Amino acid sequence: MNQSQNMSHQAGQAKGQAQEKASGMMDQMSNAAQSAKESAQGAGQQMMEKAQGAADSVKDAVGANKRS
Protein backbone atom coordinates (compact mmCIF):
# COMPACT_ATOMS: atom_id res chain seq x y z
CA MET A 1 0.00 0.00 0.00
CA ASN A 2 1.52 3.33 -0.94
CA GLN A 3 1.40 6.43 1.26
CA SER A 4 -1.58 7.95 -0.54
CA GLN A 5 -3.61 4.76 -0.18
CA ASN A 6 -2.62 4.47 3.47
CA MET A 7 -3.73 8.05 4.19
CA SER A 8 -7.00 7.46 2.35
CA HIS A 9 -7.57 4.28 4.35
CA GLN A 10 -6.90 6.09 7.65
CA ALA A 11 -9.22 8.92 6.65
CA GLY A 12 -11.95 6.39 5.88
CA GLN A 13 -11.47 4.74 9.25
CA ALA A 14 -11.59 8.08 11.07
CA LYS A 15 -14.78 9.02 9.21
CA GLY A 16 -16.40 5.71 10.12
CA GLN A 17 -15.45 6.10 13.78
CA ALA A 18 -16.80 9.66 13.84
CA GLN A 19 -20.08 8.53 12.29
CA GLU A 20 -20.39 5.70 14.81
CA LYS A 21 -19.70 8.07 17.71
CA ALA A 22 -22.22 10.59 16.40
CA SER A 23 -24.83 7.86 16.05
CA GLY A 24 -24.21 6.76 19.63
CA MET A 25 -24.55 10.32 20.87
CA MET A 26 -27.81 10.74 18.98
CA ASP A 27 -29.14 7.56 20.60
CA GLN A 28 -28.20 8.87 24.04
CA MET A 29 -29.87 12.21 23.34
CA SER A 30 -33.00 10.47 22.09
CA ASN A 31 -33.12 8.31 25.22
CA ALA A 32 -32.65 11.36 27.45
CA ALA A 33 -35.44 13.21 25.63
CA GLN A 34 -37.79 10.23 25.98
CA SER A 35 -36.98 9.97 29.69
CA ALA A 36 -37.64 13.68 30.20
CA LYS A 37 -40.94 13.38 28.34
CA GLU A 38 -42.03 10.47 30.53
CA SER A 39 -41.01 12.34 33.69
CA ALA A 40 -42.99 15.39 32.62
CA GLN A 41 -46.03 13.27 31.83
CA GLY A 42 -45.80 11.58 35.22
CA ALA A 43 -45.49 14.92 37.01
CA GLY A 44 -48.47 16.28 35.09
CA GLN A 45 -50.55 13.24 36.03
CA GLN A 46 -49.63 13.66 39.71
CA MET A 47 -50.58 17.34 39.60
CA MET A 48 -53.94 16.51 38.05
CA GLU A 49 -54.63 13.88 40.71
CA LYS A 50 -53.68 16.29 43.51
CA ALA A 51 -55.88 19.02 42.02
CA GLN A 52 -58.80 16.61 41.77
CA GLY A 53 -58.23 15.54 45.36
CA ALA A 54 -58.17 19.18 46.49
CA ALA A 55 -61.35 19.94 44.55
CA ASP A 56 -63.07 16.93 46.12
CA SER A 57 -61.96 18.08 49.59
CA VAL A 58 -63.46 21.52 49.01
CA LYS A 59 -66.69 19.98 47.74
CA ASP A 60 -66.84 17.75 50.80
CA ALA A 61 -66.21 20.74 53.07
CA VAL A 62 -69.08 22.74 51.56
CA GLY A 63 -71.36 19.75 51.11
CA ALA A 64 -71.36 19.93 47.34
CA ASN A 65 -70.20 16.33 46.83
CA LYS A 66 -73.41 14.35 46.59
CA ARG A 67 -73.01 10.72 47.34
CA SER A 68 -75.50 8.18 45.96
PDB file of N, CA and C in Angstrom:
ATOM      1  N   MET A   1       0.862  -1.167   0.000  1.00  0.00           N
ATOM      2  CA  MET A   1       0.000   0.000   0.000  1.00  0.00           C
ATOM      3  C   MET A   1       0.909   1.231   0.000  1.00  0.00           C
ATOM      4  N   ASN A   2       0.683   2.130  -0.912  1.00  0.00           N
ATOM      5  CA  ASN A   2       1.523   3.332  -0.944  1.00  0.00           C
ATOM      6  C   ASN A   2       0.996   4.362   0.067  1.00  0.00           C
ATOM      7  N   GLN A   3       1.733   5.438   0.231  1.00  0.00           N
ATOM      8  CA  GLN A   3       1.403   6.431   1.259  1.00  0.00           C
ATOM      9  C   GLN A   3       0.039   7.061   1.018  1.00  0.00           C
ATOM     10  N   SER A   4      -0.298   7.341  -0.215  1.00  0.00           N
ATOM     11  CA  SER A   4      -1.584   7.953  -0.544  1.00  0.00           C
ATOM     12  C   SER A   4      -2.734   7.014  -0.181  1.00  0.00           C
ATOM     13  N   GLN A   5      -2.574   5.730  -0.512  1.00  0.00           N
ATOM     14  CA  GLN A   5      -3.614   4.759  -0.182  1.00  0.00           C
ATOM     15  C   GLN A   5      -3.751   4.606   1.332  1.00  0.00           C
ATOM     16  N   ASN A   6      -2.620   4.608   2.012  1.00  0.00           N
ATOM     17  CA  ASN A   6      -2.625   4.474   3.472  1.00  0.00           C
ATOM     18  C   ASN A   6      -3.352   5.657   4.119  1.00  0.00           C
ATOM     19  N   MET A   7      -3.074   6.868   3.652  1.00  0.00           N
ATOM     20  CA  MET A   7      -3.733   8.053   4.194  1.00  0.00           C
ATOM     21  C   MET A   7      -5.234   8.019   3.906  1.00  0.00           C
ATOM     22  N   SER A   8      -5.591   7.565   2.722  1.00  0.00           N
ATOM     23  CA  SER A   8      -6.998   7.461   2.354  1.00  0.00           C
ATOM     24  C   SER A   8      -7.703   6.438   3.251  1.00  0.00           C
ATOM     25  N   HIS A   9      -7.020   5.326   3.488  1.00  0.00           N
ATOM     26  CA  HIS A   9      -7.571   4.277   4.354  1.00  0.00           C
ATOM     27  C   HIS A   9      -7.783   4.818   5.768  1.00  0.00           C
ATOM     28  N   GLN A  10      -6.788   5.524   6.297  1.00  0.00           N
ATOM     29  CA  GLN A  10      -6.896   6.089   7.648  1.00  0.00           C
ATOM     30  C   GLN A  10      -8.011   7.127   7.727  1.00  0.00           C
ATOM     31  N   ALA A  11      -8.149   7.918   6.680  1.00  0.00           N
ATOM     32  CA  ALA A  11      -9.220   8.918   6.655  1.00  0.00           C
ATOM     33  C   ALA A  11     -10.580   8.231   6.653  1.00  0.00           C
ATOM     34  N   GLY A  12     -10.694   7.150   5.899  1.00  0.00           N
ATOM     35  CA  GLY A  12     -11.947   6.393   5.876  1.00  0.00           C
ATOM     36  C   GLY A  12     -12.280   5.806   7.236  1.00  0.00           C
ATOM     37  N   GLN A  13     -11.251   5.289   7.912  1.00  0.00           N
ATOM     38  CA  GLN A  13     -11.467   4.736   9.255  1.00  0.00           C
ATOM     39  C   GLN A  13     -11.901   5.826  10.226  1.00  0.00           C
ATOM     40  N   ALA A  14     -11.251   6.970  10.169  1.00  0.00           N
ATOM     41  CA  ALA A  14     -11.592   8.077  11.065  1.00  0.00           C
ATOM     42  C   ALA A  14     -13.024   8.544  10.819  1.00  0.00           C
ATOM     43  N   LYS A  15     -13.417   8.603   9.548  1.00  0.00           N
ATOM     44  CA  LYS A  15     -14.782   9.023   9.212  1.00  0.00           C
ATOM     45  C   LYS A  15     -15.790   8.024   9.770  1.00  0.00           C
ATOM     46  N   GLY A  16     -15.506   6.739   9.602  1.00  0.00           N
ATOM     47  CA  GLY A  16     -16.404   5.709  10.125  1.00  0.00           C
ATOM     48  C   GLY A  16     -16.535   5.778  11.633  1.00  0.00           C
ATOM     49  N   GLN A  17     -15.423   6.000  12.320  1.00  0.00           N
ATOM     50  CA  GLN A  17     -15.454   6.103  13.780  1.00  0.00           C
ATOM     51  C   GLN A  17     -16.243   7.334  14.223  1.00  0.00           C
ATOM     52  N   ALA A  18     -16.066   8.427  13.503  1.00  0.00           N
ATOM     53  CA  ALA A  18     -16.801   9.658  13.840  1.00  0.00           C
ATOM     54  C   ALA A  18     -18.298   9.464  13.641  1.00  0.00           C
ATOM     55  N   GLN A  19     -18.662   8.776  12.550  1.00  0.00           N
ATOM     56  CA  GLN A  19     -20.084   8.533  12.292  1.00  0.00           C
ATOM     57  C   GLN A  19     -20.679   7.627  13.368  1.00  0.00           C
ATOM     58  N   GLU A  20     -19.915   6.612  13.771  1.00  0.00           N
ATOM     59  CA  GLU A  20     -20.394   5.697  14.808  1.00  0.00           C
ATOM     60  C   GLU A  20     -20.573   6.432  16.136  1.00  0.00           C
ATOM     61  N   LYS A  21     -19.613   7.292  16.472  1.00  0.00           N
ATOM     62  CA  LYS A  21     -19.699   8.065  17.714  1.00  0.00           C
ATOM     63  C   LYS A  21     -20.894   9.011  17.673  1.00  0.00           C
ATOM     64  N   ALA A  22     -21.091   9.667  16.534  1.00  0.00           N
ATOM     65  CA  ALA A  22     -22.224  10.594  16.397  1.00  0.00           C
ATOM     66  C   ALA A  22     -23.547   9.842  16.534  1.00  0.00           C
ATOM     67  N   SER A  23     -23.613   8.665  15.958  1.00  0.00           N
ATOM     68  CA  SER A  23     -24.830   7.858  16.052  1.00  0.00           C
ATOM     69  C   SER A  23     -25.104   7.476  17.502  1.00  0.00           C
ATOM     70  N   GLY A  24     -24.053   7.100  18.217  1.00  0.00           N
ATOM     71  CA  GLY A  24     -24.212   6.758  19.629  1.00  0.00           C
ATOM     72  C   GLY A  24     -24.679   7.945  20.451  1.00  0.00           C
ATOM     73  N   MET A  25     -24.143   9.116  20.147  1.00  0.00           N
ATOM     74  CA  MET A  25     -24.547  10.321  20.870  1.00  0.00           C
ATOM     75  C   MET A  25     -26.008  10.665  20.577  1.00  0.00           C
ATOM     76  N   MET A  26     -26.417  10.475  19.341  1.00  0.00           N
ATOM     77  CA  MET A  26     -27.812  10.743  18.979  1.00  0.00           C
ATOM     78  C   MET A  26     -28.746   9.787  19.723  1.00  0.00           C
ATOM     79  N   ASP A  27     -28.332   8.520  19.847  1.00  0.00           N
ATOM     80  CA  ASP A  27     -29.139   7.557  20.599  1.00  0.00           C
ATOM     81  C   ASP A  27     -29.273   7.983  22.059  1.00  0.00           C
ATOM     82  N   GLN A  28     -28.167   8.424  22.651  1.00  0.00           N
ATOM     83  CA  GLN A  28     -28.200   8.872  24.041  1.00  0.00           C
ATOM     84  C   GLN A  28     -29.108  10.090  24.198  1.00  0.00           C
ATOM     85  N   MET A  29     -29.028  11.022  23.263  1.00  0.00           N
ATOM     86  CA  MET A  29     -29.871  12.214  23.335  1.00  0.00           C
ATOM     87  C   MET A  29     -31.344  11.842  23.190  1.00  0.00           C
ATOM     88  N   SER A  30     -31.621  10.912  22.295  1.00  0.00           N
ATOM     89  CA  SER A  30     -32.998  10.465  22.094  1.00  0.00           C
ATOM     90  C   SER A  30     -33.529   9.805  23.362  1.00  0.00           C
ATOM     91  N   ASN A  31     -32.703   8.974  23.987  1.00  0.00           N
ATOM     92  CA  ASN A  31     -33.118   8.310  25.223  1.00  0.00           C
ATOM     93  C   ASN A  31     -33.358   9.327  26.337  1.00  0.00           C
ATOM     94  N   ALA A  32     -32.493  10.326  26.424  1.00  0.00           N
ATOM     95  CA  ALA A  32     -32.648  11.364  27.448  1.00  0.00           C
ATOM     96  C   ALA A  32     -33.930  12.154  27.214  1.00  0.00           C
ATOM     97  N   ALA A  33     -34.221  12.462  25.949  1.00  0.00           N
ATOM     98  CA  ALA A  33     -35.440  13.205  25.627  1.00  0.00           C
ATOM     99  C   ALA A  33     -36.680  12.391  25.968  1.00  0.00           C
ATOM    100  N   GLN A  34     -36.652  11.105  25.671  1.00  0.00           N
ATOM    101  CA  GLN A  34     -37.793  10.228  25.979  1.00  0.00           C
ATOM    102  C   GLN A  34     -37.992  10.150  27.489  1.00  0.00           C
ATOM    103  N   SER A  35     -36.904  10.033  28.231  1.00  0.00           N
ATOM    104  CA  SER A  35     -36.982   9.967  29.686  1.00  0.00           C
ATOM    105  C   SER A  35     -37.563  11.255  30.263  1.00  0.00           C
ATOM    106  N   ALA A  36     -37.118  12.387  29.735  1.00  0.00           N
ATOM    107  CA  ALA A  36     -37.636  13.682  30.196  1.00  0.00           C
ATOM    108  C   ALA A  36     -39.127  13.802  29.891  1.00  0.00           C
ATOM    109  N   LYS A  37     -39.527  13.341  28.723  1.00  0.00           N
ATOM    110  CA  LYS A  37     -40.944  13.383  28.338  1.00  0.00           C
ATOM    111  C   LYS A  37     -41.782  12.546  29.303  1.00  0.00           C
ATOM    112  N   GLU A  38     -41.290  11.339  29.612  1.00  0.00           N
ATOM    113  CA  GLU A  38     -42.027  10.466  30.527  1.00  0.00           C
ATOM    114  C   GLU A  38     -42.097  11.071  31.923  1.00  0.00           C
ATOM    115  N   SER A  39     -41.014  11.696  32.371  1.00  0.00           N
ATOM    116  CA  SER A  39     -41.006  12.337  33.686  1.00  0.00           C
ATOM    117  C   SER A  39     -42.019  13.476  33.733  1.00  0.00           C
ATOM    118  N   ALA A  40     -42.052  14.265  32.671  1.00  0.00           N
ATOM    119  CA  ALA A  40     -42.986  15.392  32.620  1.00  0.00           C
ATOM    120  C   ALA A  40     -44.434  14.892  32.607  1.00  0.00           C
ATOM    121  N   GLN A  41     -44.681  13.825  31.868  1.00  0.00           N
ATOM    122  CA  GLN A  41     -46.035  13.272  31.826  1.00  0.00           C
ATOM    123  C   GLN A  41     -46.446  12.760  33.200  1.00  0.00           C
ATOM    124  N   GLY A  42     -45.511  12.090  33.883  1.00  0.00           N
ATOM    125  CA  GLY A  42     -45.799  11.576  35.221  1.00  0.00           C
ATOM    126  C   GLY A  42     -46.072  12.705  36.199  1.00  0.00           C
ATOM    127  N   ALA A  43     -45.286  13.770  36.122  1.00  0.00           N
ATOM    128  CA  ALA A  43     -45.485  14.923  37.010  1.00  0.00           C
ATOM    129  C   ALA A  43     -46.828  15.575  36.728  1.00  0.00           C
ATOM    130  N   GLY A  44     -47.179  15.692  35.457  1.00  0.00           N
ATOM    131  CA  GLY A  44     -48.469  16.276  35.090  1.00  0.00           C
ATOM    132  C   GLY A  44     -49.629  15.449  35.620  1.00  0.00           C
ATOM    133  N   GLN A  45     -49.502  14.138  35.529  1.00  0.00           N
ATOM    134  CA  GLN A  45     -50.551  13.245  36.030  1.00  0.00           C
ATOM    135  C   GLN A  45     -50.701  13.401  37.548  1.00  0.00           C
ATOM    136  N   GLN A  46     -49.574  13.480  38.259  1.00  0.00           N
ATOM    137  CA  GLN A  46     -49.630  13.656  39.711  1.00  0.00           C
ATOM    138  C   GLN A  46     -50.295  14.976  40.073  1.00  0.00           C
ATOM    139  N   MET A  47     -49.972  16.030  39.328  1.00  0.00           N
ATOM    140  CA  MET A  47     -50.578  17.336  39.601  1.00  0.00           C
ATOM    141  C   MET A  47     -52.087  17.289  39.378  1.00  0.00           C
ATOM    142  N   MET A  48     -52.505  16.614  38.322  1.00  0.00           N
ATOM    143  CA  MET A  48     -53.942  16.509  38.048  1.00  0.00           C
ATOM    144  C   MET A  48     -54.652  15.745  39.164  1.00  0.00           C
ATOM    145  N   GLU A  49     -54.021  14.671  39.631  1.00  0.00           N
ATOM    146  CA  GLU A  49     -54.629  13.879  40.709  1.00  0.00           C
ATOM    147  C   GLU A  49     -54.720  14.690  41.999  1.00  0.00           C
ATOM    148  N   LYS A  50     -53.663  15.459  42.303  1.00  0.00           N
ATOM    149  CA  LYS A  50     -53.682  16.288  43.510  1.00  0.00           C
ATOM    150  C   LYS A  50     -54.739  17.381  43.398  1.00  0.00           C
ATOM    151  N   ALA A  51     -54.871  17.982  42.223  1.00  0.00           N
ATOM    152  CA  ALA A  51     -55.881  19.025  42.021  1.00  0.00           C
ATOM    153  C   ALA A  51     -57.280  18.446  42.170  1.00  0.00           C
ATOM    154  N   GLN A  52     -57.486  17.247  41.641  1.00  0.00           N
ATOM    155  CA  GLN A  52     -58.803  16.609  41.767  1.00  0.00           C
ATOM    156  C   GLN A  52     -59.094  16.303  43.231  1.00  0.00           C
ATOM    157  N   GLY A  53     -58.055  15.826  43.933  1.00  0.00           N
ATOM    158  CA  GLY A  53     -58.231  15.545  45.364  1.00  0.00           C
ATOM    159  C   GLY A  53     -58.561  16.812  46.142  1.00  0.00           C
ATOM    160  N   ALA A  54     -57.897  17.904  45.810  1.00  0.00           N
ATOM    161  CA  ALA A  54     -58.173  19.179  46.487  1.00  0.00           C
ATOM    162  C   ALA A  54     -59.586  19.652  46.183  1.00  0.00           C
ATOM    163  N   ALA A  55     -59.991  19.520  44.931  1.00  0.00           N
ATOM    164  CA  ALA A  55     -61.350  19.936  44.555  1.00  0.00           C
ATOM    165  C   ALA A  55     -62.385  19.092  45.294  1.00  0.00           C
ATOM    166  N   ASP A  56     -62.141  17.800  45.395  1.00  0.00           N
ATOM    167  CA  ASP A  56     -63.068  16.928  46.119  1.00  0.00           C
ATOM    168  C   ASP A  56     -63.131  17.303  47.601  1.00  0.00           C
ATOM    169  N   SER A  57     -61.987  17.675  48.181  1.00  0.00           N
ATOM    170  CA  SER A  57     -61.959  18.081  49.593  1.00  0.00           C
ATOM    171  C   SER A  57     -62.789  19.337  49.813  1.00  0.00           C
ATOM    172  N   VAL A  58     -62.677  20.280  48.898  1.00  0.00           N
ATOM    173  CA  VAL A  58     -63.464  21.516  49.010  1.00  0.00           C
ATOM    174  C   VAL A  58     -64.940  21.191  48.873  1.00  0.00           C
ATOM    175  N   LYS A  59     -65.278  20.351  47.916  1.00  0.00           N
ATOM    176  CA  LYS A  59     -66.693  19.983  47.739  1.00  0.00           C
ATOM    177  C   LYS A  59     -67.226  19.293  48.983  1.00  0.00           C
ATOM    178  N   ASP A  60     -66.416  18.414  49.571  1.00  0.00           N
ATOM    179  CA  ASP A  60     -66.841  17.749  50.796  1.00  0.00           C
ATOM    180  C   ASP A  60     -67.047  18.772  51.924  1.00  0.00           C
ATOM    181  N   ALA A  61     -66.141  19.738  52.003  1.00  0.00           N
ATOM    182  CA  ALA A  61     -66.215  20.741  53.072  1.00  0.00           C
ATOM    183  C   ALA A  61     -67.465  21.598  52.950  1.00  0.00           C
ATOM    184  N   VAL A  62     -67.900  21.897  51.734  1.00  0.00           N
ATOM    185  CA  VAL A  62     -69.079  22.743  51.558  1.00  0.00           C
ATOM    186  C   VAL A  62     -70.346  21.929  51.288  1.00  0.00           C
ATOM    187  N   GLY A  63     -70.193  20.619  51.303  1.00  0.00           N
ATOM    188  CA  GLY A  63     -71.361  19.755  51.107  1.00  0.00           C
ATOM    189  C   GLY A  63     -71.822  19.650  49.681  1.00  0.00           C
ATOM    190  N   ALA A  64     -70.966  19.963  48.736  1.00  0.00           N
ATOM    191  CA  ALA A  64     -71.358  19.926  47.337  1.00  0.00           C
ATOM    192  C   ALA A  64     -71.145  18.550  46.712  1.00  0.00           C
ATOM    193  N   ASN A  65     -70.438  17.684  47.368  1.00  0.00           N
ATOM    194  CA  ASN A  65     -70.203  16.334  46.833  1.00  0.00           C
ATOM    195  C   ASN A  65     -71.383  15.461  47.234  1.00  0.00           C
ATOM    196  N   LYS A  66     -72.237  15.170  46.295  1.00  0.00           N
ATOM    197  CA  LYS A  66     -73.413  14.353  46.595  1.00  0.00           C
ATOM    198  C   LYS A  66     -73.031  12.898  46.394  1.00  0.00           C
ATOM    199  N   ARG A  67     -73.308  12.140  47.416  1.00  0.00           N
ATOM    200  CA  ARG A  67     -73.013  10.715  47.335  1.00  0.00           C
ATOM    201  C   ARG A  67     -74.324   9.977  47.098  1.00  0.00           C
ATOM    202  N   SER A  68     -74.282   8.938  46.244  1.00  0.00           N
ATOM    203  CA  SER A  68     -75.498   8.180  45.960  1.00  0.00           C
ATOM    204  C   SER A  68     -75.646   7.035  46.914  1.00  0.00           C
TER     205      SER A  68
END
